[in-house]
C-alpha cells in the first residue's frame, strides 16, 4: 500500500542550510502532527539532528515514526491525504 503525505515540514536540508538555519526553520514551522522531512546525504543534517531533536522535545513534541501515524484498520486516505474511517 502506498501513502501520500501532504502536510510535511521540509527542513530544506538539501539546500545546504547551516545548522542554525535548519534549526530555526524546523522549530518555526513544526506544529502538532507535523511530519518532518530530512535527507540522509546532505551536508549538515546528521550534525543538526541532535540539536533539533533536543529542541523539539524541550517544546514537548513527541517524536514518532510515520508508520505510527497511519491508521491501518478500517481507514482510507482520501485524495487530499486525509485519513477517514471507511464506512
PDB file of N, CA and C in Angstrom:
ATOM      1  N   UNK A   1       0.842  -1.171   0.000  1.00  0.00           N
ATOM      2  CA  UNK A   1       0.000   0.000   0.000  1.00  0.00           C
ATOM      3  C   UNK A   1       0.895   1.245   0.000  1.00  0.00           C
ATOM      4  N   UNK A   2       0.527   2.236  -0.780  1.00  0.00           N
ATOM      5  CA  UNK A   2       1.279   3.488  -0.864  1.00  0.00           C
ATOM      6  C   UNK A   2       0.480   4.599  -0.206  1.00  0.00           C
ATOM      7  N   UNK A   3       1.157   5.412   0.609  1.00  0.00           N
ATOM      8  CA  UNK A   3       0.514   6.552   1.256  1.00  0.00           C
ATOM      9  C   UNK A   3       1.172   7.832   0.761  1.00  0.00           C
ATOM     10  N   UNK A   4       0.366   8.844   0.542  1.00  0.00           N
ATOM     11  CA  UNK A   4       0.870  10.160   0.171  1.00  0.00           C
ATOM     12  C   UNK A   4       0.632  11.101   1.333  1.00  0.00           C
ATOM     13  N   UNK A   5       1.656  11.842   1.733  1.00  0.00           N
ATOM     14  CA  UNK A   5       1.539  12.786   2.835  1.00  0.00           C
ATOM     15  C   UNK A   5       1.658  14.196   2.287  1.00  0.00           C
ATOM     16  N   UNK A   6       0.705  15.018   2.646  1.00  0.00           N
ATOM     17  CA  UNK A   6       0.685  16.380   2.137  1.00  0.00           C
ATOM     18  C   UNK A   6       1.267  17.370   3.143  1.00  0.00           C
ATOM     19  N   UNK A   7       0.969  17.208   4.414  1.00  0.00           N
ATOM     20  CA  UNK A   7       1.415  18.162   5.448  1.00  0.00           C
ATOM     21  C   UNK A   7       2.810  17.797   5.941  1.00  0.00           C
ATOM     22  N   UNK A   8       3.801  18.140   5.172  1.00  0.00           N
ATOM     23  CA  UNK A   8       5.174  17.805   5.530  1.00  0.00           C
ATOM     24  C   UNK A   8       5.956  19.094   5.770  1.00  0.00           C
ATOM     25  N   UNK A   9       6.721  19.100   6.844  1.00  0.00           N
ATOM     26  CA  UNK A   9       7.592  20.224   7.168  1.00  0.00           C
ATOM     27  C   UNK A   9       8.966  19.899   6.579  1.00  0.00           C
ATOM     28  N   UNK A  10       9.258  20.485   5.434  1.00  0.00           N
ATOM     29  CA  UNK A  10      10.535  20.232   4.759  1.00  0.00           C
ATOM     30  C   UNK A  10      11.629  21.063   5.431  1.00  0.00           C
ATOM     31  N   UNK A  11      12.640  20.397   5.927  1.00  0.00           N
ATOM     32  CA  UNK A  11      13.756  21.079   6.597  1.00  0.00           C
ATOM     33  C   UNK A  11      14.610  21.891   5.616  1.00  0.00           C
ATOM     34  N   UNK A  12      14.443  21.624   4.334  1.00  0.00           N
ATOM     35  CA  UNK A  12      15.267  22.224   3.276  1.00  0.00           C
ATOM     36  C   UNK A  12      16.758  21.929   3.471  1.00  0.00           C
ATOM     37  N   UNK A  13      17.038  20.826   4.144  1.00  0.00           N
ATOM     38  CA  UNK A  13      18.440  20.437   4.353  1.00  0.00           C
ATOM     39  C   UNK A  13      19.165  20.207   3.039  1.00  0.00           C
ATOM     40  N   UNK A  14      18.438  19.853   1.997  1.00  0.00           N
ATOM     41  CA  UNK A  14      19.041  19.613   0.682  1.00  0.00           C
ATOM     42  C   UNK A  14      19.580  20.895   0.048  1.00  0.00           C
ATOM     43  N   UNK A  15      19.195  22.053   0.605  1.00  0.00           N
ATOM     44  CA  UNK A  15      19.728  23.329   0.117  1.00  0.00           C
ATOM     45  C   UNK A  15      20.998  23.722   0.873  1.00  0.00           C
ATOM     46  N   UNK A  16      21.511  22.793   1.670  1.00  0.00           N
ATOM     47  CA  UNK A  16      22.714  23.020   2.478  1.00  0.00           C
ATOM     48  C   UNK A  16      22.566  24.204   3.428  1.00  0.00           C
ATOM     49  N   UNK A  17      21.361  24.300   4.045  1.00  0.00           N
ATOM     50  CA  UNK A  17      21.179  25.303   5.092  1.00  0.00           C
ATOM     51  C   UNK A  17      22.176  25.011   6.207  1.00  0.00           C
ATOM     52  N   UNK A  18      22.607  26.037   6.902  1.00  0.00           N
ATOM     53  CA  UNK A  18      23.501  25.810   8.036  1.00  0.00           C
ATOM     54  C   UNK A  18      22.704  25.148   9.160  1.00  0.00           C
ATOM     55  N   UNK A  19      23.419  24.654  10.136  1.00  0.00           N
ATOM     56  CA  UNK A  19      22.797  24.032  11.298  1.00  0.00           C
ATOM     57  C   UNK A  19      21.808  25.003  11.957  1.00  0.00           C
ATOM     58  N   UNK A  20      22.208  26.247  12.118  1.00  0.00           N
ATOM     59  CA  UNK A  20      21.368  27.256  12.759  1.00  0.00           C
ATOM     60  C   UNK A  20      20.132  27.578  11.924  1.00  0.00           C
ATOM     61  N   UNK A  21      20.303  27.698  10.607  1.00  0.00           N
ATOM     62  CA  UNK A  21      19.174  27.986   9.712  1.00  0.00           C
ATOM     63  C   UNK A  21      18.162  26.836   9.723  1.00  0.00           C
ATOM     64  N   UNK A  22      18.677  25.613   9.712  1.00  0.00           N
ATOM     65  CA  UNK A  22      17.807  24.444   9.724  1.00  0.00           C
ATOM     66  C   UNK A  22      17.028  24.365  11.039  1.00  0.00           C
ATOM     67  N   UNK A  23      17.709  24.571  12.145  1.00  0.00           N
ATOM     68  CA  UNK A  23      17.073  24.538  13.460  1.00  0.00           C
ATOM     69  C   UNK A  23      15.971  25.595  13.533  1.00  0.00           C
ATOM     70  N   UNK A  24      16.283  26.808  13.111  1.00  0.00           N
ATOM     71  CA  UNK A  24      15.297  27.891  13.153  1.00  0.00           C
ATOM     72  C   UNK A  24      14.085  27.555  12.290  1.00  0.00           C
ATOM     73  N   UNK A  25      14.321  27.053  11.091  1.00  0.00           N
ATOM     74  CA  UNK A  25      13.227  26.719  10.175  1.00  0.00           C
ATOM     75  C   UNK A  25      12.340  25.624  10.746  1.00  0.00           C
ATOM     76  N   UNK A  26      12.942  24.549  11.215  1.00  0.00           N
ATOM     77  CA  UNK A  26      12.166  23.422  11.727  1.00  0.00           C
ATOM     78  C   UNK A  26      11.366  23.838  12.961  1.00  0.00           C
ATOM     79  N   UNK A  27      11.988  24.546  13.893  1.00  0.00           N
ATOM     80  CA  UNK A  27      11.272  24.949  15.107  1.00  0.00           C
ATOM     81  C   UNK A  27      10.128  25.909  14.787  1.00  0.00           C
ATOM     82  N   UNK A  28      10.328  26.794  13.834  1.00  0.00           N
ATOM     83  CA  UNK A  28       9.309  27.777  13.477  1.00  0.00           C
ATOM     84  C   UNK A  28       8.104  27.119  12.797  1.00  0.00           C
ATOM     85  N   UNK A  29       8.356  26.102  11.992  1.00  0.00           N
ATOM     86  CA  UNK A  29       7.297  25.522  11.173  1.00  0.00           C
ATOM     87  C   UNK A  29       6.658  24.266  11.768  1.00  0.00           C
ATOM     88  N   UNK A  30       7.236  23.692  12.801  1.00  0.00           N
ATOM     89  CA  UNK A  30       6.693  22.456  13.357  1.00  0.00           C
ATOM     90  C   UNK A  30       5.496  22.747  14.255  1.00  0.00           C
ATOM     91  N   UNK A  31       4.412  22.010  13.972  1.00  0.00           N
ATOM     92  CA  UNK A  31       3.175  22.113  14.742  1.00  0.00           C
ATOM     93  C   UNK A  31       2.746  20.697  15.113  1.00  0.00           C
ATOM     94  N   UNK A  32       1.830  20.540  16.053  1.00  0.00           N
ATOM     95  CA  UNK A  32       1.358  19.187  16.370  1.00  0.00           C
ATOM     96  C   UNK A  32       0.896  18.457  15.099  1.00  0.00           C
ATOM     97  N   UNK A  33       1.369  17.243  14.923  1.00  0.00           N
ATOM     98  CA  UNK A  33       1.023  16.437  13.758  1.00  0.00           C
ATOM     99  C   UNK A  33       1.949  16.626  12.568  1.00  0.00           C
ATOM    100  N   UNK A  34       2.922  17.526  12.665  1.00  0.00           N
ATOM    101  CA  UNK A  34       3.854  17.750  11.551  1.00  0.00           C
ATOM    102  C   UNK A  34       4.671  16.493  11.270  1.00  0.00           C
ATOM    103  N   UNK A  35       4.943  16.300  10.003  1.00  0.00           N
ATOM    104  CA  UNK A  35       5.864  15.252   9.575  1.00  0.00           C
ATOM    105  C   UNK A  35       7.094  15.982   9.057  1.00  0.00           C
ATOM    106  N   UNK A  36       8.235  15.713   9.667  1.00  0.00           N
ATOM    107  CA  UNK A  36       9.473  16.415   9.313  1.00  0.00           C
ATOM    108  C   UNK A  36      10.223  15.639   8.239  1.00  0.00           C
ATOM    109  N   UNK A  37      10.683  16.347   7.231  1.00  0.00           N
ATOM    110  CA  UNK A  37      11.410  15.726   6.125  1.00  0.00           C
ATOM    111  C   UNK A  37      12.881  16.119   6.168  1.00  0.00           C
ATOM    112  N   UNK A  38      13.727  15.101   6.260  1.00  0.00           N
ATOM    113  CA  UNK A  38      15.175  15.279   6.200  1.00  0.00           C
ATOM    114  C   UNK A  38      15.729  14.284   5.193  1.00  0.00           C
ATOM    115  N   UNK A  39      16.898  14.581   4.670  1.00  0.00           N
ATOM    116  CA  UNK A  39      17.554  13.697   3.709  1.00  0.00           C
ATOM    117  C   UNK A  39      18.851  13.180   4.330  1.00  0.00           C
ATOM    118  N   UNK A  40      19.266  11.985   3.925  1.00  0.00           N
ATOM    119  CA  UNK A  40      20.408  11.353   4.592  1.00  0.00           C
ATOM    120  C   UNK A  40      21.768  11.639   3.962  1.00  0.00           C
ATOM    121  N   UNK A  41      21.807  12.364   2.876  1.00  0.00           N
ATOM    122  CA  UNK A  41      23.117  12.610   2.255  1.00  0.00           C
ATOM    123  C   UNK A  41      23.355  14.102   2.049  1.00  0.00           C
ATOM    124  N   UNK A  42      23.017  14.870   3.063  1.00  0.00           N
ATOM    125  CA  UNK A  42      23.201  16.316   2.954  1.00  0.00           C
ATOM    126  C   UNK A  42      24.336  16.763   3.861  1.00  0.00           C
ATOM    127  N   UNK A  43      24.754  17.987   3.661  1.00  0.00           N
ATOM    128  CA  UNK A  43      25.958  18.494   4.312  1.00  0.00           C
ATOM    129  C   UNK A  43      25.854  18.590   5.837  1.00  0.00           C
ATOM    130  N   UNK A  44      24.747  19.107   6.357  1.00  0.00           N
ATOM    131  CA  UNK A  44      24.666  19.392   7.787  1.00  0.00           C
ATOM    132  C   UNK A  44      23.598  18.600   8.558  1.00  0.00           C
ATOM    133  N   UNK A  45      22.834  17.754   7.884  1.00  0.00           N
ATOM    134  CA  UNK A  45      21.709  17.086   8.545  1.00  0.00           C
ATOM    135  C   UNK A  45      22.142  16.252   9.740  1.00  0.00           C
ATOM    136  N   UNK A  46      23.105  15.388   9.573  1.00  0.00           N
ATOM    137  CA  UNK A  46      23.472  14.488  10.675  1.00  0.00           C
ATOM    138  C   UNK A  46      24.002  15.251  11.888  1.00  0.00           C
ATOM    139  N   UNK A  47      24.693  16.345  11.664  1.00  0.00           N
ATOM    140  CA  UNK A  47      25.201  17.115  12.803  1.00  0.00           C
ATOM    141  C   UNK A  47      24.114  18.002  13.419  1.00  0.00           C
ATOM    142  N   UNK A  48      23.062  18.293  12.661  1.00  0.00           N
ATOM    143  CA  UNK A  48      21.983  19.155  13.148  1.00  0.00           C
ATOM    144  C   UNK A  48      20.905  18.399  13.922  1.00  0.00           C
ATOM    145  N   UNK A  49      20.692  17.148  13.573  1.00  0.00           N
ATOM    146  CA  UNK A  49      19.580  16.395  14.161  1.00  0.00           C
ATOM    147  C   UNK A  49      19.589  16.321  15.686  1.00  0.00           C
ATOM    148  N   UNK A  50      20.706  16.071  16.345  1.00  0.00           N
ATOM    149  CA  UNK A  50      20.656  16.020  17.810  1.00  0.00           C
ATOM    150  C   UNK A  50      20.115  17.311  18.441  1.00  0.00           C
ATOM    151  N   UNK A  51      20.512  18.455  17.917  1.00  0.00           N
ATOM    152  CA  UNK A  51      20.027  19.731  18.448  1.00  0.00           C
ATOM    153  C   UNK A  51      18.555  19.955  18.108  1.00  0.00           C
ATOM    154  N   UNK A  52      18.153  19.559  16.908  1.00  0.00           N
ATOM    155  CA  UNK A  52      16.748  19.702  16.508  1.00  0.00           C
ATOM    156  C   UNK A  52      15.861  18.817  17.388  1.00  0.00           C
ATOM    157  N   UNK A  53      16.278  17.587  17.601  1.00  0.00           N
ATOM    158  CA  UNK A  53      15.503  16.665  18.435  1.00  0.00           C
ATOM    159  C   UNK A  53      15.401  17.190  19.866  1.00  0.00           C
ATOM    160  N   UNK A  54      16.516  17.633  20.402  1.00  0.00           N
ATOM    161  CA  UNK A  54      16.532  18.173  21.766  1.00  0.00           C
ATOM    162  C   UNK A  54      15.589  19.379  21.895  1.00  0.00           C
ATOM    163  N   UNK A  55      15.642  20.289  20.912  1.00  0.00           N
ATOM    164  CA  UNK A  55      14.793  21.486  20.947  1.00  0.00           C
ATOM    165  C   UNK A  55      13.311  21.130  20.817  1.00  0.00           C
ATOM    166  N   UNK A  56      12.990  20.166  19.959  1.00  0.00           N
ATOM    167  CA  UNK A  56      11.586  19.761  19.806  1.00  0.00           C
ATOM    168  C   UNK A  56      11.061  19.100  21.082  1.00  0.00           C
ATOM    169  N   UNK A  57      11.875  18.252  21.688  1.00  0.00           N
ATOM    170  CA  UNK A  57      11.463  17.614  22.948  1.00  0.00           C
ATOM    171  C   UNK A  57      11.293  18.651  24.050  1.00  0.00           C
ATOM    172  N   UNK A  58      12.135  19.675  24.067  1.00  0.00           N
ATOM    173  CA  UNK A  58      12.021  20.746  25.065  1.00  0.00           C
ATOM    174  C   UNK A  58      10.706  21.508  24.894  1.00  0.00           C
ATOM    175  N   UNK A  59      10.151  21.499  23.668  1.00  0.00           N
ATOM    176  CA  UNK A  59       8.861  22.140  23.401  1.00  0.00           C
ATOM    177  C   UNK A  59       7.714  21.140  23.545  1.00  0.00           C
ATOM    178  N   UNK A  60       8.017  19.977  24.156  1.00  0.00           N
ATOM    179  CA  UNK A  60       7.028  18.925  24.446  1.00  0.00           C
ATOM    180  C   UNK A  60       6.475  18.221  23.215  1.00  0.00           C
ATOM    181  N   UNK A  61       7.242  18.205  22.115  1.00  0.00           N
ATOM    182  CA  UNK A  61       6.836  17.410  20.969  1.00  0.00           C
ATOM    183  C   UNK A  61       7.251  15.971  21.201  1.00  0.00           C
ATOM    184  N   UNK A  62       6.411  15.057  20.770  1.00  0.00           N
ATOM    185  CA  UNK A  62       6.732  13.635  20.841  1.00  0.00           C
ATOM    186  C   UNK A  62       7.126  13.196  19.440  1.00  0.00           C
ATOM    187  N   UNK A  63       8.275  12.576  19.312  1.00  0.00           N
ATOM    188  CA  UNK A  63       8.756  12.123  18.016  1.00  0.00           C
ATOM    189  C   UNK A  63       8.378  10.664  17.813  1.00  0.00           C
ATOM    190  N   UNK A  64       7.698  10.382  16.711  1.00  0.00           N
ATOM    191  CA  UNK A  64       7.267   9.014  16.403  1.00  0.00           C
ATOM    192  C   UNK A  64       7.557   8.724  14.933  1.00  0.00           C
ATOM    193  N   UNK A  65       7.560   7.449  14.597  1.00  0.00           N
ATOM    194  CA  UNK A  65       7.743   7.040  13.205  1.00  0.00           C
ATOM    195  C   UNK A  65       6.458   7.326  12.429  1.00  0.00           C
ATOM    196  N   UNK A  66       6.603   7.591  11.143  1.00  0.00           N
ATOM    197  CA  UNK A  66       5.432   7.831  10.297  1.00  0.00           C
ATOM    198  C   UNK A  66       4.476   6.649  10.372  1.00  0.00           C
ATOM    199  N   UNK A  67       5.001   5.445  10.443  1.00  0.00           N
ATOM    200  CA  UNK A  67       4.137   4.255  10.480  1.00  0.00           C
ATOM    201  C   UNK A  67       3.199   4.263  11.685  1.00  0.00           C
ATOM    202  N   UNK A  68       3.570   4.970  12.745  1.00  0.00           N
ATOM    203  CA  UNK A  68       2.702   5.056  13.921  1.00  0.00           C
ATOM    204  C   UNK A  68       1.571   6.062  13.722  1.00  0.00           C
ATOM    205  N   UNK A  69       1.672   6.897  12.717  1.00  0.00           N
ATOM    206  CA  UNK A  69       0.643   7.897  12.448  1.00  0.00           C
ATOM    207  C   UNK A  69      -0.454   7.387  11.516  1.00  0.00           C
ATOM    208  N   UNK A  70      -0.202   6.260  10.894  1.00  0.00           N
ATOM    209  CA  UNK A  70      -1.141   5.744   9.899  1.00  0.00           C
ATOM    210  C   UNK A  70      -2.122   4.781  10.562  1.00  0.00           C
ATOM    211  N   UNK A  71      -3.414   5.097  10.430  1.00  0.00           N
ATOM    212  CA  UNK A  71      -4.446   4.162  10.886  1.00  0.00           C
ATOM    213  C   UNK A  71      -4.497   3.037   9.868  1.00  0.00           C
ATOM    214  N   UNK A  72      -4.413   1.823  10.343  1.00  0.00           N
ATOM    215  CA  UNK A  72      -4.320   0.706   9.410  1.00  0.00           C
ATOM    216  C   UNK A  72      -5.628  -0.045   9.235  1.00  0.00           C
ATOM    217  N   UNK A  73      -6.445  -0.111  10.269  1.00  0.00           N
ATOM    218  CA  UNK A  73      -7.669  -0.918  10.198  1.00  0.00           C
ATOM    219  C   UNK A  73      -8.893  -0.051   9.943  1.00  0.00           C
ATOM    220  N   UNK A  74      -9.588  -0.364   8.870  1.00  0.00           N
ATOM    221  CA  UNK A  74     -10.864   0.255   8.544  1.00  0.00           C
ATOM    222  C   UNK A  74     -10.754   1.755   8.258  1.00  0.00           C
ATOM    223  N   UNK A  75      -9.640   2.191   7.689  1.00  0.00           N
ATOM    224  CA  UNK A  75      -9.467   3.591   7.308  1.00  0.00           C
ATOM    225  C   UNK A  75      -9.016   3.680   5.860  1.00  0.00           C
ATOM    226  N   UNK A  76      -9.357   4.782   5.217  1.00  0.00           N
ATOM    227  CA  UNK A  76      -8.883   5.064   3.864  1.00  0.00           C
ATOM    228  C   UNK A  76      -8.194   6.425   3.885  1.00  0.00           C
ATOM    229  N   UNK A  77      -7.405   6.691   2.864  1.00  0.00           N
ATOM    230  CA  UNK A  77      -6.795   8.003   2.690  1.00  0.00           C
ATOM    231  C   UNK A  77      -7.459   8.627   1.468  1.00  0.00           C
ATOM    232  N   UNK A  78      -8.120   9.777   1.676  1.00  0.00           N
ATOM    233  CA  UNK A  78      -8.829  10.414   0.565  1.00  0.00           C
ATOM    234  C   UNK A  78      -7.836  11.121  -0.368  1.00  0.00           C
ATOM    235  N   UNK A  79      -8.310  11.653  -1.506  1.00  0.00           N
ATOM    236  CA  UNK A  79      -7.411  12.305  -2.464  1.00  0.00           C
ATOM    237  C   UNK A  79      -6.640  13.510  -1.900  1.00  0.00           C
ATOM    238  N   UNK A  80      -7.110  14.060  -0.768  1.00  0.00           N
ATOM    239  CA  UNK A  80      -6.412  15.177  -0.144  1.00  0.00           C
ATOM    240  C   UNK A  80      -5.387  14.723   0.887  1.00  0.00           C
ATOM    241  N   UNK A  81      -5.216  13.409   1.056  1.00  0.00           N
ATOM    242  CA  UNK A  81      -4.258  12.886   2.007  1.00  0.00           C
ATOM    243  C   UNK A  81      -4.783  12.772   3.423  1.00  0.00           C
ATOM    244  N   UNK A  82      -6.104  12.913   3.603  1.00  0.00           N
ATOM    245  CA  UNK A  82      -6.713  12.845   4.926  1.00  0.00           C
ATOM    246  C   UNK A  82      -7.192  11.423   5.198  1.00  0.00           C
ATOM    247  N   UNK A  83      -6.845  10.898   6.381  1.00  0.00           N
ATOM    248  CA  UNK A  83      -7.310   9.568   6.757  1.00  0.00           C
ATOM    249  C   UNK A  83      -8.739   9.661   7.277  1.00  0.00           C
ATOM    250  N   UNK A  84      -9.607   8.786   6.762  1.00  0.00           N
ATOM    251  CA  UNK A  84     -11.008   8.774   7.176  1.00  0.00           C
ATOM    252  C   UNK A  84     -11.437   7.342   7.420  1.00  0.00           C
ATOM    253  N   UNK A  85     -12.343   7.203   8.368  1.00  0.00           N
ATOM    254  CA  UNK A  85     -12.852   5.862   8.651  1.00  0.00           C
ATOM    255  C   UNK A  85     -13.636   5.369   7.452  1.00  0.00           C
ATOM    256  N   UNK A  86     -13.375   4.147   7.045  1.00  0.00           N
ATOM    257  CA  UNK A  86     -14.043   3.531   5.921  1.00  0.00           C
ATOM    258  C   UNK A  86     -15.418   3.065   6.368  1.00  0.00           C
ATOM    259  N   UNK A  87     -16.443   3.669   5.830  1.00  0.00           N
ATOM    260  CA  UNK A  87     -17.819   3.340   6.259  1.00  0.00           C
ATOM    261  C   UNK A  87     -18.489   2.388   5.320  1.00  0.00           C
TER     262      UNK A  87
END
